[in-house]
C-alpha atoms as a PDB file:
ATOM      1  CA  MET A   1     -16.533  10.785   4.419  1.00  0.00           C
ATOM      2  CA  GLU A   2     -16.569  11.309   8.048  1.00  0.00           C
ATOM      3  CA  ILE A   3     -13.950   9.176   9.947  1.00  0.00           C
ATOM      4  CA  GLY A   4     -13.636   9.118  14.067  1.00  0.00           C
ATOM      5  CA  THR A   5     -10.332  10.445  15.933  1.00  0.00           C
ATOM      6  CA  ALA A   6      -9.627   9.136  19.149  1.00  0.00           C
ATOM      7  CA  ASP A   7     -11.516  11.514  21.007  1.00  0.00           C
ATOM      8  CA  GLY A   8     -14.489  10.113  19.442  1.00  0.00           C
ATOM      9  CA  ALA A   9     -15.447  13.078  17.299  1.00  0.00           C
ATOM     10  CA  ASN A  10     -15.960  13.272  13.349  1.00  0.00           C
ATOM     11  CA  ARG A  11     -14.544  15.031  10.734  1.00  0.00           C
ATOM     12  CA  THR A  12     -15.090  15.624   7.242  1.00  0.00           C
ATOM     13  CA  ILE A  13     -12.753  14.594   5.270  1.00  0.00           C
ATOM     14  CA  ASP A  14     -11.964  16.256   1.576  1.00  0.00           C
ATOM     15  CA  ALA A  15     -12.364  14.455  -1.677  1.00  0.00           C
ATOM     16  CA  ARG A  16      -8.717  15.183  -2.593  1.00  0.00           C
ATOM     17  CA  THR A  17      -7.334  14.860   0.646  1.00  0.00           C
ATOM     18  CA  MET A  18      -8.814  11.799   0.454  1.00  0.00           C
ATOM     19  CA  LEU A  19      -7.800  10.915  -2.870  1.00  0.00           C
ATOM     20  CA  ALA A  20      -4.040  11.839  -1.963  1.00  0.00           C
ATOM     21  CA  ALA A  21      -4.138   9.430   0.884  1.00  0.00           C
ATOM     22  CA  VAL A  22      -5.296   6.616  -1.640  1.00  0.00           C
ATOM     23  CA  ARG A  23      -2.689   7.582  -4.052  1.00  0.00           C
ATOM     24  CA  LYS A  24      -0.074   7.492  -1.528  1.00  0.00           C
ATOM     25  CA  GLU A  25      -1.279   3.449  -0.224  1.00  0.00           C
ATOM     26  CA  MET A  26      -1.839   2.532  -3.728  1.00  0.00           C
ATOM     27  CA  TRP A  27       2.531   3.776  -5.229  1.00  0.00           C
ATOM     28  CA  ARG A  28       3.925   1.888  -1.636  1.00  0.00           C
ATOM     29  CA  MET A  29       1.233  -1.462  -2.667  1.00  0.00           C
ATOM     30  CA  GLU A  30       3.120  -1.125  -6.090  1.00  0.00           C
ATOM     31  CA  VAL A  31       6.057  -0.978  -4.528  1.00  0.00           C
ATOM     32  CA  GLU A  32       6.071  -3.741  -1.954  1.00  0.00           C
ATOM     33  CA  ASN A  33       4.559  -5.872  -4.692  1.00  0.00           C
ATOM     34  CA  GLU A  34       7.549  -4.918  -6.920  1.00  0.00           C
ATOM     35  CA  ILE A  35       9.937  -6.074  -4.147  1.00  0.00           C
ATOM     36  CA  LEU A  36       7.979  -9.314  -3.483  1.00  0.00           C
ATOM     37  CA  ARG A  37       8.040 -10.194  -7.166  1.00  0.00           C
ATOM     38  CA  ARG A  38      12.218  -9.892  -7.615  1.00  0.00           C
ATOM     39  CA  ALA A  39      12.129 -11.741  -4.465  1.00  0.00           C
ATOM     40  CA  ALA A  40       9.902 -14.770  -5.524  1.00  0.00           C
ATOM     41  CA  ALA A  41      12.076 -14.157  -8.656  1.00  0.00           C
ATOM     42  CA  HIS A  42      15.344 -14.645  -6.923  1.00  0.00           C
ATOM     43  CA  PHE A  43      14.592 -17.710  -4.733  1.00  0.00           C
ATOM     44  CA  ALA A  44      13.002 -19.481  -7.953  1.00  0.00           C
ATOM     45  CA  ARG A  45      16.696 -18.949  -9.492  1.00  0.00           C
ATOM     46  CA  GLU A  46      18.249 -20.299  -6.783  1.00  0.00           C
ATOM     47  CA  ASN A  47      16.354 -23.524  -6.209  1.00  0.00           C
ATOM     48  CA  VAL A  48      16.432 -24.784 -10.068  1.00  0.00           C
ATOM     49  CA  PHE A  49      18.211 -28.586  -9.487  1.00  0.00           C
ATOM     50  CA  PRO A  50      20.589 -29.052 -12.769  1.00  0.00           C
END
């Protein structure tokens, strides 16, 4: 896979580098998802009417 750089040149990314980047992004998204899930649960408890 090739990507463009700021100066317009292309460079090849090896599979291990790409896999590491994808795994890092996936981990970040899982953390964000957990934060949002907890926030939603918190606000749902707060808005319950007796």
